[in-house]
Structure formats: structure tokens, C-alpha cells
Amino acid sequence: MVQRLTYRRRLSYNTPSNRVKIVKTPGGKLTFHYAKKRVGIPKCGDCSEKLRGIPRFRPAELARISRRRKTVNRAYGGSRCAKCVRDRIVRAFLVEEQKIVKQLAPKKK
């Protein structure tokens, strides 16, 4: 006969937050072990590329760890990838160059 199992917590539905695994204890009983939700990979806000140097954590865990472990020591570190930051800097430089060129153009005429 198969041993019946009941959830150990109040939530009685098979939801993503209530995922379980059946485990046999040393006493021979079957029990539920609750599984944590899968952790998402931090991604760049512009190009959705995986961010290197930033560990995976659930939001609650992320709040507990120090800022040093959540970021990379660079402008937009932990939010944008290095390639997108480089593109932003180059774009800002070119925009400033365009402004200077526009200011000089009327003076030549």
C-alpha cells in the first residue's frame, strides 16, 4: 500500500511557491521537502545579456547581502553590461561633439 502524504504547511495547492519533493526518512516514512523557487540570472537592462560578476539570489536574499557583492565597480555596475555602458559613453561624447559643431557652424558664415 502506498503511503499518503499531506502538505506540512497551510497552503494546500500545487502552486510555484509550494513545490515539494518526496523524501524517505531514516525511519522509513515518506515526507515532503519544500523546494525553493529557481533563481533568475541578473540581466542587462538594455540588451538582456547575462551580467558577469553578479551572483544569483532570490530578492529576499539579495536584500541581506552587502552592496559589494551585488554590483561591479563601474558606472551602471550591476545594472548594465560593459558593452552597453561603453556605447552610452560613446553616444554621450558624440552628442556633445555635435553640439560644439552646431555652435561653430553659424560663426563661420
N, C-alpha and C. Protein backbone atom coordinates (compact mmCIF):
# COMPACT_ATOMS: atom_id res chain seq x y z
N MET A 1 0.84 -1.19 0.00
CA MET A 1 0.00 0.00 0.00
C MET A 1 0.88 1.24 0.00
N VAL A 2 0.48 2.23 -0.78
CA VAL A 2 1.25 3.47 -0.89
C VAL A 2 0.90 4.39 0.26
N GLN A 3 1.94 4.99 0.83
CA GLN A 3 1.72 5.91 1.95
C GLN A 3 1.22 7.25 1.42
N ARG A 4 0.16 7.76 2.02
CA ARG A 4 -0.38 9.05 1.59
C ARG A 4 0.38 10.16 2.29
N LEU A 5 0.53 11.27 1.58
CA LEU A 5 1.25 12.41 2.13
C LEU A 5 0.38 13.65 2.13
N THR A 6 0.55 14.47 3.15
CA THR A 6 -0.14 15.76 3.19
C THR A 6 0.92 16.85 3.30
N TYR A 7 0.57 18.02 2.78
CA TYR A 7 1.49 19.15 2.88
C TYR A 7 1.76 19.48 4.34
N ARG A 8 2.94 19.98 4.62
CA ARG A 8 3.31 20.29 6.00
C ARG A 8 2.98 21.73 6.37
N ARG A 9 2.67 22.54 5.35
CA ARG A 9 2.31 23.95 5.57
C ARG A 9 0.82 24.14 5.29
N ARG A 10 0.34 25.34 5.54
CA ARG A 10 -1.09 25.61 5.39
C ARG A 10 -1.56 25.62 3.93
N LEU A 11 -0.70 26.08 3.02
CA LEU A 11 -1.10 26.18 1.61
C LEU A 11 -1.30 24.78 1.03
N SER A 12 -2.52 24.50 0.56
CA SER A 12 -2.85 23.14 0.14
C SER A 12 -2.98 22.97 -1.37
N TYR A 13 -2.40 23.91 -2.13
CA TYR A 13 -2.47 23.83 -3.59
C TYR A 13 -1.08 23.70 -4.19
N ASN A 14 -1.01 23.09 -5.36
CA ASN A 14 0.26 22.85 -6.03
C ASN A 14 0.70 24.10 -6.82
N THR A 15 1.08 25.13 -6.09
CA THR A 15 1.48 26.40 -6.69
C THR A 15 3.00 26.47 -6.79
N PRO A 16 3.55 27.44 -7.55
CA PRO A 16 5.02 27.56 -7.65
C PRO A 16 5.72 27.77 -6.30
N SER A 17 5.02 28.39 -5.35
CA SER A 17 5.64 28.62 -4.05
C SER A 17 5.49 27.41 -3.11
N ASN A 18 4.79 26.37 -3.57
CA ASN A 18 4.51 25.21 -2.72
C ASN A 18 5.05 23.92 -3.34
N ARG A 19 6.15 24.01 -4.07
CA ARG A 19 6.73 22.83 -4.73
C ARG A 19 7.39 21.92 -3.69
N VAL A 20 7.19 20.62 -3.84
CA VAL A 20 7.72 19.67 -2.87
C VAL A 20 8.41 18.50 -3.56
N LYS A 21 9.22 17.81 -2.77
CA LYS A 21 9.91 16.62 -3.24
C LYS A 21 9.67 15.54 -2.19
N ILE A 22 9.36 14.34 -2.61
CA ILE A 22 9.11 13.25 -1.65
C ILE A 22 10.45 12.64 -1.25
N VAL A 23 10.67 12.56 0.07
CA VAL A 23 11.93 12.04 0.61
C VAL A 23 11.63 10.97 1.64
N LYS A 24 12.39 9.90 1.60
CA LYS A 24 12.21 8.84 2.60
C LYS A 24 13.16 9.12 3.76
N THR A 25 12.62 9.16 4.98
CA THR A 25 13.42 9.43 6.18
C THR A 25 14.12 8.15 6.64
N PRO A 26 15.12 8.28 7.52
CA PRO A 26 15.79 7.08 8.02
C PRO A 26 14.84 6.10 8.72
N GLY A 27 13.72 6.63 9.23
CA GLY A 27 12.74 5.76 9.89
C GLY A 27 11.84 5.03 8.91
N GLY A 28 12.01 5.29 7.61
CA GLY A 28 11.22 4.59 6.60
C GLY A 28 9.95 5.33 6.19
N LYS A 29 9.68 6.48 6.82
CA LYS A 29 8.48 7.26 6.46
C LYS A 29 8.76 8.12 5.24
N LEU A 30 7.73 8.44 4.49
CA LEU A 30 7.86 9.38 3.39
C LEU A 30 7.40 10.76 3.87
N THR A 31 8.18 11.78 3.56
CA THR A 31 7.80 13.15 3.92
C THR A 31 8.05 14.07 2.74
N PHE A 32 7.52 15.27 2.84
CA PHE A 32 7.75 16.30 1.83
C PHE A 32 8.91 17.19 2.23
N HIS A 33 9.79 17.48 1.30
CA HIS A 33 10.81 18.52 1.47
C HIS A 33 10.41 19.64 0.52
N TYR A 34 10.33 20.87 1.04
CA TYR A 34 9.94 22.01 0.22
C TYR A 34 11.12 22.53 -0.57
N ALA A 35 10.90 22.76 -1.86
CA ALA A 35 11.96 23.27 -2.74
C ALA A 35 11.83 24.78 -2.87
N LYS A 36 12.97 25.46 -2.89
CA LYS A 36 12.95 26.90 -3.09
C LYS A 36 12.71 27.18 -4.56
N LYS A 37 12.21 28.37 -4.85
CA LYS A 37 11.98 28.76 -6.25
C LYS A 37 13.31 28.91 -6.96
N ARG A 38 13.30 28.68 -8.25
CA ARG A 38 14.51 28.85 -9.06
C ARG A 38 14.91 30.32 -9.09
N VAL A 39 16.21 30.54 -9.15
CA VAL A 39 16.73 31.90 -9.11
C VAL A 39 17.00 32.36 -10.53
N GLY A 40 16.55 33.57 -10.85
CA GLY A 40 16.79 34.15 -12.17
C GLY A 40 18.19 34.72 -12.26
N ILE A 41 18.72 34.80 -13.48
CA ILE A 41 20.05 35.34 -13.71
C ILE A 41 19.93 36.85 -13.89
N PRO A 42 20.80 37.64 -13.24
CA PRO A 42 20.76 39.10 -13.48
C PRO A 42 21.09 39.39 -14.95
N LYS A 43 20.27 40.24 -15.57
CA LYS A 43 20.46 40.56 -16.98
C LYS A 43 20.61 42.05 -17.18
N CYS A 44 21.27 42.41 -18.28
CA CYS A 44 21.46 43.80 -18.67
C CYS A 44 20.10 44.41 -19.00
N GLY A 45 19.84 45.63 -18.54
CA GLY A 45 18.57 46.29 -18.80
C GLY A 45 18.39 46.72 -20.24
N ASP A 46 19.48 46.86 -20.99
CA ASP A 46 19.38 47.29 -22.39
C ASP A 46 19.31 46.11 -23.35
N CYS A 47 20.27 45.19 -23.26
CA CYS A 47 20.38 44.12 -24.27
C CYS A 47 19.99 42.74 -23.73
N SER A 48 19.62 42.63 -22.48
CA SER A 48 19.20 41.37 -21.84
C SER A 48 20.29 40.31 -21.82
N GLU A 49 21.55 40.71 -21.89
CA GLU A 49 22.67 39.78 -21.79
C GLU A 49 22.91 39.47 -20.31
N LYS A 50 23.41 38.27 -20.00
CA LYS A 50 23.71 37.90 -18.62
C LYS A 50 24.82 38.80 -18.08
N LEU A 51 24.65 39.26 -16.83
CA LEU A 51 25.67 40.11 -16.22
C LEU A 51 26.70 39.24 -15.54
N ARG A 52 27.95 39.41 -15.93
CA ARG A 52 29.02 38.65 -15.31
C ARG A 52 29.45 39.32 -14.01
N GLY A 53 29.84 38.49 -13.03
CA GLY A 53 30.34 39.01 -11.77
C GLY A 53 29.26 39.27 -10.75
N ILE A 54 28.01 38.99 -11.08
CA ILE A 54 26.91 39.22 -10.14
C ILE A 54 26.24 37.89 -9.85
N PRO A 55 26.24 37.46 -8.58
CA PRO A 55 25.68 36.15 -8.26
C PRO A 55 24.15 36.14 -8.35
N ARG A 56 23.60 34.93 -8.47
CA ARG A 56 22.15 34.75 -8.49
C ARG A 56 21.65 34.70 -7.05
N PHE A 57 20.60 35.44 -6.75
CA PHE A 57 19.96 35.41 -5.45
C PHE A 57 18.48 35.67 -5.60
N ARG A 58 17.68 35.13 -4.71
CA ARG A 58 16.27 35.49 -4.64
C ARG A 58 16.19 36.90 -4.07
N PRO A 59 15.13 37.64 -4.33
CA PRO A 59 15.05 39.03 -3.87
C PRO A 59 15.27 39.22 -2.36
N ALA A 60 14.75 38.33 -1.54
CA ALA A 60 14.92 38.46 -0.09
C ALA A 60 16.38 38.28 0.30
N GLU A 61 17.05 37.32 -0.35
CA GLU A 61 18.46 37.09 -0.08
C GLU A 61 19.29 38.27 -0.57
N LEU A 62 18.90 38.83 -1.70
CA LEU A 62 19.61 39.96 -2.28
C LEU A 62 19.60 41.15 -1.33
N ALA A 63 18.51 41.32 -0.60
CA ALA A 63 18.41 42.41 0.36
C ALA A 63 19.36 42.20 1.54
N ARG A 64 19.66 40.96 1.85
CA ARG A 64 20.50 40.65 3.01
C ARG A 64 22.00 40.76 2.74
N ILE A 65 22.42 40.58 1.47
CA ILE A 65 23.86 40.60 1.19
C ILE A 65 24.36 42.02 1.03
N SER A 66 25.67 42.20 1.15
CA SER A 66 26.25 43.53 1.09
C SER A 66 26.25 44.08 -0.33
N ARG A 67 26.35 45.39 -0.44
CA ARG A 67 26.31 46.05 -1.74
C ARG A 67 27.50 45.63 -2.59
N ARG A 68 28.62 45.37 -1.95
CA ARG A 68 29.83 44.97 -2.66
C ARG A 68 29.61 43.72 -3.50
N ARG A 69 28.78 42.80 -3.03
CA ARG A 69 28.53 41.55 -3.75
C ARG A 69 27.45 41.68 -4.81
N LYS A 70 26.69 42.81 -4.79
CA LYS A 70 25.60 42.98 -5.75
C LYS A 70 26.00 43.77 -6.98
N THR A 71 27.14 44.44 -6.95
CA THR A 71 27.50 45.32 -8.05
C THR A 71 28.87 45.01 -8.62
N VAL A 72 29.19 45.69 -9.71
CA VAL A 72 30.52 45.66 -10.29
C VAL A 72 31.04 47.08 -10.19
N ASN A 73 32.33 47.24 -9.92
CA ASN A 73 32.88 48.57 -9.67
C ASN A 73 33.06 49.35 -10.97
N ARG A 74 31.93 49.86 -11.48
CA ARG A 74 31.93 50.58 -12.75
C ARG A 74 30.64 51.38 -12.80
N ALA A 75 30.57 52.40 -13.65
CA ALA A 75 29.32 53.12 -13.85
C ALA A 75 28.27 52.12 -14.34
N TYR A 76 27.07 52.20 -13.81
CA TYR A 76 25.97 51.26 -14.12
C TYR A 76 26.34 49.82 -13.76
N GLY A 77 27.28 49.59 -12.86
CA GLY A 77 27.68 48.25 -12.47
C GLY A 77 26.54 47.51 -11.80
N GLY A 78 26.25 46.30 -12.27
CA GLY A 78 25.16 45.51 -11.70
C GLY A 78 23.83 45.78 -12.36
N SER A 79 23.80 46.74 -13.29
CA SER A 79 22.56 47.08 -13.97
C SER A 79 22.70 46.92 -15.49
N ARG A 80 23.83 47.37 -16.03
CA ARG A 80 24.10 47.28 -17.47
C ARG A 80 25.40 46.54 -17.71
N CYS A 81 25.51 45.86 -18.87
CA CYS A 81 26.74 45.15 -19.20
C CYS A 81 27.79 46.15 -19.68
N ALA A 82 29.05 45.73 -19.73
CA ALA A 82 30.16 46.62 -20.08
C ALA A 82 29.99 47.18 -21.49
N LYS A 83 29.49 46.37 -22.41
CA LYS A 83 29.33 46.81 -23.80
C LYS A 83 28.31 47.95 -23.90
N CYS A 84 27.20 47.83 -23.18
CA CYS A 84 26.16 48.86 -23.22
C CYS A 84 26.65 50.15 -22.55
N VAL A 85 27.43 50.02 -21.48
CA VAL A 85 27.99 51.20 -20.81
C VAL A 85 28.94 51.92 -21.77
N ARG A 86 29.77 51.16 -22.46
CA ARG A 86 30.71 51.74 -23.44
C ARG A 86 29.92 52.49 -24.52
N ASP A 87 28.84 51.87 -25.03
CA ASP A 87 28.02 52.50 -26.05
C ASP A 87 27.39 53.80 -25.55
N ARG A 88 26.93 53.81 -24.29
CA ARG A 88 26.34 55.01 -23.71
C ARG A 88 27.35 56.14 -23.62
N ILE A 89 28.57 55.79 -23.18
CA ILE A 89 29.62 56.81 -23.04
C ILE A 89 29.98 57.39 -24.40
N VAL A 90 30.14 56.53 -25.40
CA VAL A 90 30.48 56.97 -26.76
C VAL A 90 29.35 57.84 -27.31
N ARG A 91 28.10 57.42 -27.10
CA ARG A 91 26.95 58.18 -27.60
C ARG A 91 26.91 59.57 -26.97
N ALA A 92 27.13 59.64 -25.64
CA ALA A 92 27.13 60.93 -24.94
C ALA A 92 28.25 61.83 -25.46
N PHE A 93 29.42 61.26 -25.74
CA PHE A 93 30.55 62.02 -26.26
C PHE A 93 30.21 62.58 -27.64
N LEU A 94 29.62 61.74 -28.50
CA LEU A 94 29.28 62.17 -29.86
C LEU A 94 28.19 63.26 -29.85
N VAL A 95 27.25 63.16 -28.93
CA VAL A 95 26.20 64.18 -28.82
C VAL A 95 26.82 65.51 -28.44
N GLU A 96 27.76 65.49 -27.49
CA GLU A 96 28.46 66.73 -27.08
C GLU A 96 29.26 67.30 -28.25
N GLU A 97 29.89 66.43 -29.02
CA GLU A 97 30.65 66.88 -30.19
C GLU A 97 29.72 67.56 -31.21
N GLN A 98 28.55 66.99 -31.42
CA GLN A 98 27.58 67.56 -32.34
C GLN A 98 27.16 68.96 -31.89
N LYS A 99 26.95 69.14 -30.58
CA LYS A 99 26.57 70.46 -30.04
C LYS A 99 27.65 71.49 -30.33
N ILE A 100 28.91 71.11 -30.15
CA ILE A 100 30.02 72.02 -30.39
C ILE A 100 30.10 72.38 -31.88
N VAL A 101 29.90 71.40 -32.75
CA VAL A 101 29.91 71.62 -34.20
C VAL A 101 28.78 72.58 -34.60
N LYS A 102 27.59 72.42 -34.01
CA LYS A 102 26.45 73.29 -34.31
C LYS A 102 26.74 74.73 -33.88
N GLN A 103 27.41 74.89 -32.73
CA GLN A 103 27.74 76.24 -32.24
C GLN A 103 28.75 76.92 -33.15
N LEU A 104 29.71 76.16 -33.69
CA LEU A 104 30.75 76.72 -34.54
C LEU A 104 30.27 77.00 -35.96
N ALA A 105 29.26 76.28 -36.45
CA ALA A 105 28.76 76.42 -37.82
C ALA A 105 28.24 77.83 -38.13
N PRO A 106 27.38 78.46 -37.29
CA PRO A 106 26.89 79.81 -37.63
C PRO A 106 28.01 80.86 -37.63
N LYS A 107 29.04 80.69 -36.83
CA LYS A 107 30.13 81.67 -36.75
C LYS A 107 30.93 81.72 -38.04
N LYS A 108 31.01 80.60 -38.75
CA LYS A 108 31.79 80.54 -39.99
C LYS A 108 31.11 81.31 -41.12
N LYS A 109 29.77 81.39 -41.12
CA LYS A 109 29.03 82.03 -42.20
C LYS A 109 29.14 83.54 -42.18
